[in-house]
């Protein structure tokens, strides 16, 4: 999903580079309406409500390992923040399910 030349996060952190003709070049960027850093955590686990976007993210990271803050805990899919997205995370997400959450939040 993300390669070594792609950046995520705050736009103020994106560095511009110049080519031989002093033209500014930006690195490849991935724009996404989902902001995983909006997920809230307490006591070492995610504790906010979940919706369809969370289900989509969980399916993208299903059984992935090595997730941490560098990938926003699998874009919020690692609910227990143990580095792996699995059935335990699905159960925690299901317990916080809120069908009223809009798809674009």
PDB file of N, CA and C in Angstrom:
ATOM      1  N   UNK A   1       0.809  -1.185   0.000  1.00  0.00           N
ATOM      2  CA  UNK A   1       0.000   0.000   0.000  1.00  0.00           C
ATOM      3  C   UNK A   1       0.863   1.264   0.000  1.00  0.00           C
ATOM      4  N   UNK A   2       1.866   1.327   0.837  1.00  0.00           N
ATOM      5  CA  UNK A   2       2.717   2.504   0.904  1.00  0.00           C
ATOM      6  C   UNK A   2       4.162   2.098   0.622  1.00  0.00           C
ATOM      7  N   UNK A   3       4.759   2.785  -0.312  1.00  0.00           N
ATOM      8  CA  UNK A   3       6.135   2.480  -0.660  1.00  0.00           C
ATOM      9  C   UNK A   3       7.110   3.374   0.079  1.00  0.00           C
ATOM     10  N   UNK A   4       8.388   3.180  -0.147  1.00  0.00           N
ATOM     11  CA  UNK A   4       9.418   3.929   0.582  1.00  0.00           C
ATOM     12  C   UNK A   4       9.458   5.411   0.241  1.00  0.00           C
ATOM     13  N   UNK A   5       8.889   5.811  -0.901  1.00  0.00           N
ATOM     14  CA  UNK A   5       8.928   7.212  -1.299  1.00  0.00           C
ATOM     15  C   UNK A   5       7.627   7.945  -1.026  1.00  0.00           C
ATOM     16  N   UNK A   6       6.719   7.306  -0.296  1.00  0.00           N
ATOM     17  CA  UNK A   6       5.441   7.925  -0.005  1.00  0.00           C
ATOM     18  C   UNK A   6       5.427   8.424   1.428  1.00  0.00           C
ATOM     19  N   UNK A   7       4.770   9.545   1.647  1.00  0.00           N
ATOM     20  CA  UNK A   7       4.691  10.148   2.963  1.00  0.00           C
ATOM     21  C   UNK A   7       3.248  10.183   3.430  1.00  0.00           C
ATOM     22  N   UNK A   8       3.059  10.135   4.754  1.00  0.00           N
ATOM     23  CA  UNK A   8       1.742  10.268   5.348  1.00  0.00           C
ATOM     24  C   UNK A   8       1.824  11.320   6.426  1.00  0.00           C
ATOM     25  N   UNK A   9       0.675  11.877   6.780  1.00  0.00           N
ATOM     26  CA  UNK A   9       0.646  12.744   7.934  1.00  0.00           C
ATOM     27  C   UNK A   9       0.385  14.193   7.602  1.00  0.00           C
ATOM     28  N   UNK A  10       0.851  15.058   8.454  1.00  0.00           N
ATOM     29  CA  UNK A  10       0.638  16.487   8.376  1.00  0.00           C
ATOM     30  C   UNK A  10       1.301  17.052   7.125  1.00  0.00           C
ATOM     31  N   UNK A  11       0.551  17.835   6.350  1.00  0.00           N
ATOM     32  CA  UNK A  11       1.097  18.398   5.118  1.00  0.00           C
ATOM     33  C   UNK A  11       2.271  19.334   5.374  1.00  0.00           C
ATOM     34  N   UNK A  12       2.357  19.922   6.558  1.00  0.00           N
ATOM     35  CA  UNK A  12       3.484  20.807   6.842  1.00  0.00           C
ATOM     36  C   UNK A  12       4.789  20.036   6.944  1.00  0.00           C
ATOM     37  N   UNK A  13       4.711  18.720   7.054  1.00  0.00           N
ATOM     38  CA  UNK A  13       5.914  17.892   7.158  1.00  0.00           C
ATOM     39  C   UNK A  13       6.450  17.450   5.797  1.00  0.00           C
ATOM     40  N   UNK A  14       5.734  17.774   4.721  1.00  0.00           N
ATOM     41  CA  UNK A  14       6.149  17.328   3.393  1.00  0.00           C
ATOM     42  C   UNK A  14       7.251  18.244   2.878  1.00  0.00           C
ATOM     43  N   UNK A  15       8.353  17.658   2.551  1.00  0.00           N
ATOM     44  CA  UNK A  15       9.486  18.423   2.026  1.00  0.00           C
ATOM     45  C   UNK A  15       9.378  18.518   0.507  1.00  0.00           C
ATOM     46  N   UNK A  16       9.687  19.667  -0.026  1.00  0.00           N
ATOM     47  CA  UNK A  16       9.734  19.841  -1.475  1.00  0.00           C
ATOM     48  C   UNK A  16      11.186  19.718  -1.925  1.00  0.00           C
ATOM     49  N   UNK A  17      11.399  19.085  -3.027  1.00  0.00           N
ATOM     50  CA  UNK A  17      12.730  18.911  -3.580  1.00  0.00           C
ATOM     51  C   UNK A  17      12.806  19.682  -4.888  1.00  0.00           C
ATOM     52  N   UNK A  18      13.990  19.989  -5.333  1.00  0.00           N
ATOM     53  CA  UNK A  18      14.143  20.678  -6.604  1.00  0.00           C
ATOM     54  C   UNK A  18      14.935  19.800  -7.568  1.00  0.00           C
ATOM     55  N   UNK A  19      14.601  19.929  -8.852  1.00  0.00           N
ATOM     56  CA  UNK A  19      15.335  19.184  -9.866  1.00  0.00           C
ATOM     57  C   UNK A  19      16.472  20.043 -10.400  1.00  0.00           C
ATOM     58  N   UNK A  20      17.086  19.607 -11.486  1.00  0.00           N
ATOM     59  CA  UNK A  20      18.233  20.337 -12.054  1.00  0.00           C
ATOM     60  C   UNK A  20      17.870  21.737 -12.541  1.00  0.00           C
ATOM     61  N   UNK A  21      16.578  21.955 -12.846  1.00  0.00           N
ATOM     62  CA  UNK A  21      16.141  23.266 -13.330  1.00  0.00           C
ATOM     63  C   UNK A  21      15.494  24.087 -12.214  1.00  0.00           C
ATOM     64  N   UNK A  22      15.718  23.707 -10.964  1.00  0.00           N
ATOM     65  CA  UNK A  22      15.157  24.367  -9.775  1.00  0.00           C
ATOM     66  C   UNK A  22      13.629  24.372  -9.741  1.00  0.00           C
ATOM     67  N   UNK A  23      13.014  23.368 -10.367  1.00  0.00           N
ATOM     68  CA  UNK A  23      11.570  23.202 -10.263  1.00  0.00           C
ATOM     69  C   UNK A  23      11.287  22.376  -9.013  1.00  0.00           C
ATOM     70  N   UNK A  24      10.265  22.813  -8.253  1.00  0.00           N
ATOM     71  CA  UNK A  24       9.922  22.074  -7.048  1.00  0.00           C
ATOM     72  C   UNK A  24       9.210  20.771  -7.406  1.00  0.00           C
ATOM     73  N   UNK A  25       9.618  19.723  -6.728  1.00  0.00           N
ATOM     74  CA  UNK A  25       9.035  18.399  -6.934  1.00  0.00           C
ATOM     75  C   UNK A  25       8.554  17.889  -5.581  1.00  0.00           C
ATOM     76  N   UNK A  26       7.332  17.436  -5.528  1.00  0.00           N
ATOM     77  CA  UNK A  26       6.811  16.836  -4.305  1.00  0.00           C
ATOM     78  C   UNK A  26       6.897  15.316  -4.412  1.00  0.00           C
ATOM     79  N   UNK A  27       7.079  14.637  -3.305  1.00  0.00           N
ATOM     80  CA  UNK A  27       7.073  13.171  -3.338  1.00  0.00           C
ATOM     81  C   UNK A  27       5.667  12.673  -3.668  1.00  0.00           C
ATOM     82  N   UNK A  28       5.557  11.415  -4.079  1.00  0.00           N
ATOM     83  CA  UNK A  28       4.255  10.825  -4.347  1.00  0.00           C
ATOM     84  C   UNK A  28       3.433  10.874  -3.065  1.00  0.00           C
ATOM     85  N   UNK A  29       2.169  11.309  -3.176  1.00  0.00           N
ATOM     86  CA  UNK A  29       1.321  11.433  -1.997  1.00  0.00           C
ATOM     87  C   UNK A  29       0.062  10.586  -2.166  1.00  0.00           C
ATOM     88  N   UNK A  30      -0.401  10.066  -1.069  1.00  0.00           N
ATOM     89  CA  UNK A  30      -1.655   9.321  -1.052  1.00  0.00           C
ATOM     90  C   UNK A  30      -2.652  10.159  -0.269  1.00  0.00           C
ATOM     91  N   UNK A  31      -3.731  10.531  -0.922  1.00  0.00           N
ATOM     92  CA  UNK A  31      -4.752  11.345  -0.279  1.00  0.00           C
ATOM     93  C   UNK A  31      -5.911  10.438   0.092  1.00  0.00           C
ATOM     94  N   UNK A  32      -6.349  10.557   1.316  1.00  0.00           N
ATOM     95  CA  UNK A  32      -7.404   9.685   1.819  1.00  0.00           C
ATOM     96  C   UNK A  32      -8.320  10.498   2.717  1.00  0.00           C
ATOM     97  N   UNK A  33      -9.627  10.290   2.571  1.00  0.00           N
ATOM     98  CA  UNK A  33     -10.572  11.016   3.403  1.00  0.00           C
ATOM     99  C   UNK A  33     -10.557  10.508   4.842  1.00  0.00           C
ATOM    100  N   UNK A  34     -10.057   9.325   5.053  1.00  0.00           N
ATOM    101  CA  UNK A  34     -10.027   8.728   6.389  1.00  0.00           C
ATOM    102  C   UNK A  34      -8.805   9.232   7.132  1.00  0.00           C
ATOM    103  N   UNK A  35      -8.995   9.713   8.318  1.00  0.00           N
ATOM    104  CA  UNK A  35      -7.883  10.232   9.102  1.00  0.00           C
ATOM    105  C   UNK A  35      -7.654   9.312  10.290  1.00  0.00           C
ATOM    106  N   UNK A  36      -6.787   8.328  10.168  1.00  0.00           N
ATOM    107  CA  UNK A  36      -6.618   7.346  11.235  1.00  0.00           C
ATOM    108  C   UNK A  36      -6.108   7.926  12.533  1.00  0.00           C
ATOM    109  N   UNK A  37      -5.452   9.073  12.469  1.00  0.00           N
ATOM    110  CA  UNK A  37      -4.938   9.658  13.690  1.00  0.00           C
ATOM    111  C   UNK A  37      -6.063  10.276  14.518  1.00  0.00           C
ATOM    112  N   UNK A  38      -7.309  10.281  13.985  1.00  0.00           N
ATOM    113  CA  UNK A  38      -8.451  10.726  14.773  1.00  0.00           C
ATOM    114  C   UNK A  38      -8.921   9.654  15.741  1.00  0.00           C
ATOM    115  N   UNK A  39      -8.470   8.431  15.566  1.00  0.00           N
ATOM    116  CA  UNK A  39      -8.840   7.366  16.493  1.00  0.00           C
ATOM    117  C   UNK A  39      -8.322   7.730  17.878  1.00  0.00           C
ATOM    118  N   UNK A  40      -9.114   7.426  18.888  1.00  0.00           N
ATOM    119  CA  UNK A  40      -8.692   7.741  20.249  1.00  0.00           C
ATOM    120  C   UNK A  40      -8.317   6.465  20.987  1.00  0.00           C
ATOM    121  N   UNK A  41      -7.331   6.584  21.855  1.00  0.00           N
ATOM    122  CA  UNK A  41      -6.809   5.435  22.587  1.00  0.00           C
ATOM    123  C   UNK A  41      -6.771   5.757  24.072  1.00  0.00           C
ATOM    124  N   UNK A  42      -7.048   4.755  24.892  1.00  0.00           N
ATOM    125  CA  UNK A  42      -6.858   4.881  26.332  1.00  0.00           C
ATOM    126  C   UNK A  42      -6.542   3.508  26.885  1.00  0.00           C
ATOM    127  N   UNK A  43      -5.752   3.488  27.923  1.00  0.00           N
ATOM    128  CA  UNK A  43      -5.331   2.220  28.533  1.00  0.00           C
ATOM    129  C   UNK A  43      -4.725   1.264  27.513  1.00  0.00           C
ATOM    130  N   UNK A  44      -4.028   1.804  26.527  1.00  0.00           N
ATOM    131  CA  UNK A  44      -3.338   0.975  25.546  1.00  0.00           C
ATOM    132  C   UNK A  44      -4.230   0.341  24.503  1.00  0.00           C
ATOM    133  N   UNK A  45      -5.490   0.796  24.378  1.00  0.00           N
ATOM    134  CA  UNK A  45      -6.397   0.255  23.373  1.00  0.00           C
ATOM    135  C   UNK A  45      -7.211   1.373  22.750  1.00  0.00           C
ATOM    136  N   UNK A  46      -7.688   1.121  21.547  1.00  0.00           N
ATOM    137  CA  UNK A  46      -8.557   2.087  20.886  1.00  0.00           C
ATOM    138  C   UNK A  46      -9.910   2.074  21.582  1.00  0.00           C
ATOM    139  N   UNK A  47     -10.509   3.248  21.781  1.00  0.00           N
ATOM    140  CA  UNK A  47     -11.753   3.287  22.541  1.00  0.00           C
ATOM    141  C   UNK A  47     -12.877   4.097  21.907  1.00  0.00           C
ATOM    142  N   UNK A  48     -12.727   4.505  20.644  1.00  0.00           N
ATOM    143  CA  UNK A  48     -13.797   5.265  20.014  1.00  0.00           C
ATOM    144  C   UNK A  48     -14.763   4.345  19.266  1.00  0.00           C
ATOM    145  N   UNK A  49     -15.845   4.906  18.766  1.00  0.00           N
ATOM    146  CA  UNK A  49     -16.845   4.117  18.041  1.00  0.00           C
ATOM    147  C   UNK A  49     -16.309   3.708  16.669  1.00  0.00           C
ATOM    148  N   UNK A  50     -16.905   2.665  16.088  1.00  0.00           N
ATOM    149  CA  UNK A  50     -16.462   2.185  14.783  1.00  0.00           C
ATOM    150  C   UNK A  50     -17.615   2.226  13.791  1.00  0.00           C
ATOM    151  N   UNK A  51     -17.271   2.252  12.516  1.00  0.00           N
ATOM    152  CA  UNK A  51     -18.257   2.279  11.441  1.00  0.00           C
ATOM    153  C   UNK A  51     -17.730   1.554  10.216  1.00  0.00           C
ATOM    154  N   UNK A  52     -18.331   1.822   9.083  1.00  0.00           N
ATOM    155  CA  UNK A  52     -17.987   1.105   7.848  1.00  0.00           C
ATOM    156  C   UNK A  52     -16.543   1.335   7.410  1.00  0.00           C
ATOM    157  N   UNK A  53     -16.027   2.537   7.603  1.00  0.00           N
ATOM    158  CA  UNK A  53     -14.641   2.800   7.211  1.00  0.00           C
ATOM    159  C   UNK A  53     -13.696   1.922   8.030  1.00  0.00           C
ATOM    160  N   UNK A  54     -14.021   1.731   9.307  1.00  0.00           N
ATOM    161  CA  UNK A  54     -13.182   0.869  10.154  1.00  0.00           C
ATOM    162  C   UNK A  54     -13.210  -0.572   9.657  1.00  0.00           C
ATOM    163  N   UNK A  55     -14.362  -1.023   9.219  1.00  0.00           N
ATOM    164  CA  UNK A  55     -14.464  -2.381   8.676  1.00  0.00           C
ATOM    165  C   UNK A  55     -13.636  -2.513   7.408  1.00  0.00           C
ATOM    166  N   UNK A  56     -13.656  -1.494   6.574  1.00  0.00           N
ATOM    167  CA  UNK A  56     -12.837  -1.488   5.361  1.00  0.00           C
ATOM    168  C   UNK A  56     -11.352  -1.547   5.716  1.00  0.00           C
ATOM    169  N   UNK A  57     -10.910  -0.714   6.666  1.00  0.00           N
ATOM    170  CA  UNK A  57      -9.507  -0.719   7.061  1.00  0.00           C
ATOM    171  C   UNK A  57      -9.105  -2.070   7.659  1.00  0.00           C
ATOM    172  N   UNK A  58     -10.002  -2.659   8.445  1.00  0.00           N
ATOM    173  CA  UNK A  58      -9.680  -3.958   9.037  1.00  0.00           C
ATOM    174  C   UNK A  58      -9.489  -5.009   7.941  1.00  0.00           C
ATOM    175  N   UNK A  59     -10.338  -4.970   6.907  1.00  0.00           N
ATOM    176  CA  UNK A  59     -10.193  -5.953   5.829  1.00  0.00           C
ATOM    177  C   UNK A  59      -8.885  -5.747   5.068  1.00  0.00           C
ATOM    178  N   UNK A  60      -8.424  -4.505   4.961  1.00  0.00           N
ATOM    179  CA  UNK A  60      -7.162  -4.225   4.263  1.00  0.00           C
ATOM    180  C   UNK A  60      -5.953  -4.717   5.051  1.00  0.00           C
ATOM    181  N   UNK A  61      -6.036  -4.701   6.369  1.00  0.00           N
ATOM    182  CA  UNK A  61      -4.901  -5.077   7.214  1.00  0.00           C
ATOM    183  C   UNK A  61      -5.076  -6.441   7.874  1.00  0.00           C
ATOM    184  N   UNK A  62      -6.105  -7.202   7.494  1.00  0.00           N
ATOM    185  CA  UNK A  62      -6.414  -8.468   8.151  1.00  0.00           C
ATOM    186  C   UNK A  62      -5.184  -9.381   8.221  1.00  0.00           C
ATOM    187  N   UNK A  63      -4.867  -9.856   9.406  1.00  0.00           N
ATOM    188  CA  UNK A  63      -3.748 -10.746   9.724  1.00  0.00           C
ATOM    189  C   UNK A  63      -2.372 -10.128   9.459  1.00  0.00           C
ATOM    190  N   UNK A  64      -2.339  -8.805   9.314  1.00  0.00           N
ATOM    191  CA  UNK A  64      -1.038  -8.156   9.161  1.00  0.00           C
ATOM    192  C   UNK A  64      -0.357  -8.068  10.520  1.00  0.00           C
ATOM    193  N   UNK A  65       0.967  -8.052  10.498  1.00  0.00           N
ATOM    194  CA  UNK A  65       1.754  -7.992  11.725  1.00  0.00           C
ATOM    195  C   UNK A  65       2.718  -6.819  11.652  1.00  0.00           C
ATOM    196  N   UNK A  66       3.257  -6.442  12.786  1.00  0.00           N
ATOM    197  CA  UNK A  66       4.251  -5.374  12.831  1.00  0.00           C
ATOM    198  C   UNK A  66       3.657  -3.985  12.749  1.00  0.00           C
ATOM    199  N   UNK A  67       2.376  -3.840  13.042  1.00  0.00           N
ATOM    200  CA  UNK A  67       1.736  -2.525  12.996  1.00  0.00           C
ATOM    201  C   UNK A  67       2.100  -1.733  14.249  1.00  0.00           C
ATOM    202  N   UNK A  68       2.363  -0.450  14.058  1.00  0.00           N
ATOM    203  CA  UNK A  68       2.703   0.410  15.188  1.00  0.00           C
ATOM    204  C   UNK A  68       2.327   1.842  14.841  1.00  0.00           C
ATOM    205  N   UNK A  69       2.831   2.787  15.603  1.00  0.00           N
ATOM    206  CA  UNK A  69       2.440   4.178  15.369  1.00  0.00           C
ATOM    207  C   UNK A  69       2.926   4.710  14.025  1.00  0.00           C
ATOM    208  N   UNK A  70       3.903   4.059  13.397  1.00  0.00           N
ATOM    209  CA  UNK A  70       4.377   4.537  12.091  1.00  0.00           C
ATOM    210  C   UNK A  70       3.334   4.346  11.002  1.00  0.00           C
ATOM    211  N   UNK A  71       2.420   3.389  11.174  1.00  0.00           N
ATOM    212  CA  UNK A  71       1.322   3.250  10.214  1.00  0.00           C
ATOM    213  C   UNK A  71      -0.024   3.446  10.910  1.00  0.00           C
ATOM    214  N   UNK A  72       0.020   4.264  11.969  1.00  0.00           N
ATOM    215  CA  UNK A  72      -1.187   4.605  12.737  1.00  0.00           C
ATOM    216  C   UNK A  72      -1.912   3.357  13.222  1.00  0.00           C
ATOM    217  N   UNK A  73      -1.138   2.389  13.708  1.00  0.00           N
ATOM    218  CA  UNK A  73      -1.695   1.115  14.199  1.00  0.00           C
ATOM    219  C   UNK A  73      -2.629   0.514  13.149  1.00  0.00           C
ATOM    220  N   UNK A  74      -2.062   0.293  11.956  1.00  0.00           N
ATOM    221  CA  UNK A  74      -2.801  -0.268  10.819  1.00  0.00           C
ATOM    222  C   UNK A  74      -4.005   0.606  10.485  1.00  0.00           C
ATOM    223  N   UNK A  75      -3.777   1.897  10.408  1.00  0.00           N
ATOM    224  CA  UNK A  75      -4.834   2.877  10.124  1.00  0.00           C
ATOM    225  C   UNK A  75      -6.022   2.703  11.063  1.00  0.00           C
ATOM    226  N   UNK A  76      -5.753   2.361  12.308  1.00  0.00           N
ATOM    227  CA  UNK A  76      -6.794   2.211  13.317  1.00  0.00           C
ATOM    228  C   UNK A  76      -7.379   0.823  13.413  1.00  0.00           C
ATOM    229  N   UNK A  77      -6.940  -0.114  12.557  1.00  0.00           N
ATOM    230  CA  UNK A  77      -7.506  -1.469  12.567  1.00  0.00           C
ATOM    231  C   UNK A  77      -6.956  -2.344  13.688  1.00  0.00           C
ATOM    232  N   UNK A  78      -5.824  -1.979  14.249  1.00  0.00           N
ATOM    233  CA  UNK A  78      -5.241  -2.742  15.360  1.00  0.00           C
ATOM    234  C   UNK A  78      -5.816  -2.190  16.668  1.00  0.00           C
ATOM    235  N   UNK A  79      -7.011  -2.622  17.018  1.00  0.00           N
ATOM    236  CA  UNK A  79      -7.757  -2.063  18.148  1.00  0.00           C
ATOM    237  C   UNK A  79      -7.071  -2.306  19.480  1.00  0.00           C
ATOM    238  N   UNK A  80      -6.416  -3.441  19.655  1.00  0.00           N
ATOM    239  CA  UNK A  80      -5.760  -3.696  20.940  1.00  0.00           C
ATOM    240  C   UNK A  80      -4.289  -3.285  20.930  1.00  0.00           C
ATOM    241  N   UNK A  81      -3.834  -2.701  19.832  1.00  0.00           N
ATOM    242  CA  UNK A  81      -2.500  -2.120  19.693  1.00  0.00           C
ATOM    243  C   UNK A  81      -1.404  -3.124  20.074  1.00  0.00           C
ATOM    244  N   UNK A  82      -1.574  -4.367  19.611  1.00  0.00           N
ATOM    245  CA  UNK A  82      -0.543  -5.372  19.891  1.00  0.00           C
ATOM    246  C   UNK A  82       0.306  -5.680  18.664  1.00  0.00           C
ATOM    247  N   UNK A  83       0.072  -4.963  17.552  1.00  0.00           N
ATOM    248  CA  UNK A  83       0.877  -5.137  16.355  1.00  0.00           C
ATOM    249  C   UNK A  83       0.282  -6.057  15.313  1.00  0.00           C
ATOM    250  N   UNK A  84      -0.786  -6.794  15.656  1.00  0.00           N
ATOM    251  CA  UNK A  84      -1.412  -7.736  14.728  1.00  0.00           C
ATOM    252  C   UNK A  84      -2.904  -7.445  14.619  1.00  0.00           C
ATOM    253  N   UNK A  85      -3.435  -7.469  13.396  1.00  0.00           N
ATOM    254  CA  UNK A  85      -4.873  -7.293  13.186  1.00  0.00           C
ATOM    255  C   UNK A  85      -5.484  -8.679  13.034  1.00  0.00           C
ATOM    256  N   UNK A  86      -6.326  -9.051  14.005  1.00  0.00           N
ATOM    257  CA  UNK A  86      -6.891 -10.403  14.009  1.00  0.00           C
ATOM    258  C   UNK A  86      -8.291 -10.394  14.608  1.00  0.00           C
ATOM    259  N   UNK A  87      -8.773 -11.579  14.977  1.00  0.00           N
ATOM    260  CA  UNK A  87     -10.134 -11.727  15.481  1.00  0.00           C
ATOM    261  C   UNK A  87     -10.359 -10.952  16.779  1.00  0.00           C
ATOM    262  N   UNK A  88      -9.337 -10.797  17.605  1.00  0.00           N
ATOM    263  CA  UNK A  88      -9.488  -9.999  18.822  1.00  0.00           C
ATOM    264  C   UNK A  88      -9.816  -8.545  18.484  1.00  0.00           C
ATOM    265  N   UNK A  89      -9.165  -8.010  17.460  1.00  0.00           N
ATOM    266  CA  UNK A  89      -9.455  -6.649  17.027  1.00  0.00           C
ATOM    267  C   UNK A  89     -10.864  -6.554  16.454  1.00  0.00           C
ATOM    268  N   UNK A  90     -11.265  -7.573  15.700  1.00  0.00           N
ATOM    269  CA  UNK A  90     -12.611  -7.574  15.136  1.00  0.00           C
ATOM    270  C   UNK A  90     -13.655  -7.553  16.250  1.00  0.00           C
ATOM    271  N   UNK A  91     -13.428  -8.335  17.303  1.00  0.00           N
ATOM    272  CA  UNK A  91     -14.368  -8.371  18.426  1.00  0.00           C
ATOM    273  C   UNK A  91     -14.451  -7.012  19.115  1.00  0.00           C
ATOM    274  N   UNK A  92     -13.307  -6.347  19.295  1.00  0.00           N
ATOM    275  CA  UNK A  92     -13.303  -5.026  19.923  1.00  0.00           C
ATOM    276  C   UNK A  92     -14.000  -3.999  19.029  1.00  0.00           C
ATOM    277  N   UNK A  93     -13.776  -4.086  17.725  1.00  0.00           N
ATOM    278  CA  UNK A  93     -14.443  -3.184  16.803  1.00  0.00           C
ATOM    279  C   UNK A  93     -15.952  -3.425  16.828  1.00  0.00           C
ATOM    280  N   UNK A  94     -16.364  -4.687  16.823  1.00  0.00           N
ATOM    281  CA  UNK A  94     -17.789  -5.016  16.833  1.00  0.00           C
ATOM    282  C   UNK A  94     -18.470  -4.499  18.104  1.00  0.00           C
ATOM    283  N   UNK A  95     -17.762  -4.548  19.227  1.00  0.00           N
ATOM    284  CA  UNK A  95     -18.328  -4.064  20.490  1.00  0.00           C
ATOM    285  C   UNK A  95     -18.551  -2.550  20.462  1.00  0.00           C
ATOM    286  N   UNK A  96     -17.803  -1.840  19.629  1.00  0.00           N
ATOM    287  CA  UNK A  96     -17.920  -0.378  19.528  1.00  0.00           C
ATOM    288  C   UNK A  96     -18.691   0.045  18.274  1.00  0.00           C
ATOM    289  N   UNK A  97     -19.334  -0.902  17.604  1.00  0.00           N
ATOM    290  CA  UNK A  97     -20.001  -0.630  16.334  1.00  0.00           C
ATOM    291  C   UNK A  97     -21.108   0.393  16.511  1.00  0.00           C
ATOM    292  N   UNK A  98     -21.133   1.382  15.638  1.00  0.00           N
ATOM    293  CA  UNK A  98     -22.175   2.401  15.654  1.00  0.00           C
ATOM    294  C   UNK A  98     -22.613   2.630  14.216  1.00  0.00           C
ATOM    295  N   UNK A  99     -23.755   2.062  13.819  1.00  0.00           N
ATOM    296  CA  UNK A  99     -24.195   2.205  12.428  1.00  0.00           C
ATOM    297  C   UNK A  99     -24.523   3.638  12.033  1.00  0.00           C
ATOM    298  N   UNK A 100     -24.627   4.529  13.006  1.00  0.00           N
ATOM    299  CA  UNK A 100     -24.923   5.933  12.709  1.00  0.00           C
ATOM    300  C   UNK A 100     -23.708   6.693  12.187  1.00  0.00           C
ATOM    301  N   UNK A 101     -22.517   6.126  12.320  1.00  0.00           N
ATOM    302  CA  UNK A 101     -21.317   6.805  11.824  1.00  0.00           C
ATOM    303  C   UNK A 101     -21.344   6.808  10.301  1.00  0.00           C
ATOM    304  N   UNK A 102     -21.229   7.992   9.735  1.00  0.00           N
ATOM    305  CA  UNK A 102     -21.261   8.128   8.281  1.00  0.00           C
ATOM    306  C   UNK A 102     -20.022   7.511   7.664  1.00  0.00           C
ATOM    307  N   UNK A 103     -20.143   7.071   6.426  1.00  0.00           N
ATOM    308  CA  UNK A 103     -19.024   6.428   5.739  1.00  0.00           C
ATOM    309  C   UNK A 103     -17.866   7.365   5.510  1.00  0.00           C
ATOM    310  N   UNK A 104     -18.107   8.657   5.440  1.00  0.00           N
ATOM    311  CA  UNK A 104     -17.023   9.581   5.116  1.00  0.00           C
ATOM    312  C   UNK A 104     -16.391  10.232   6.328  1.00  0.00           C
ATOM    313  N   UNK A 105     -16.663   9.753   7.518  1.00  0.00           N
ATOM    314  CA  UNK A 105     -16.053  10.330   8.704  1.00  0.00           C
ATOM    315  C   UNK A 105     -14.683   9.740   8.934  1.00  0.00           C
TER     316      UNK A 105
END
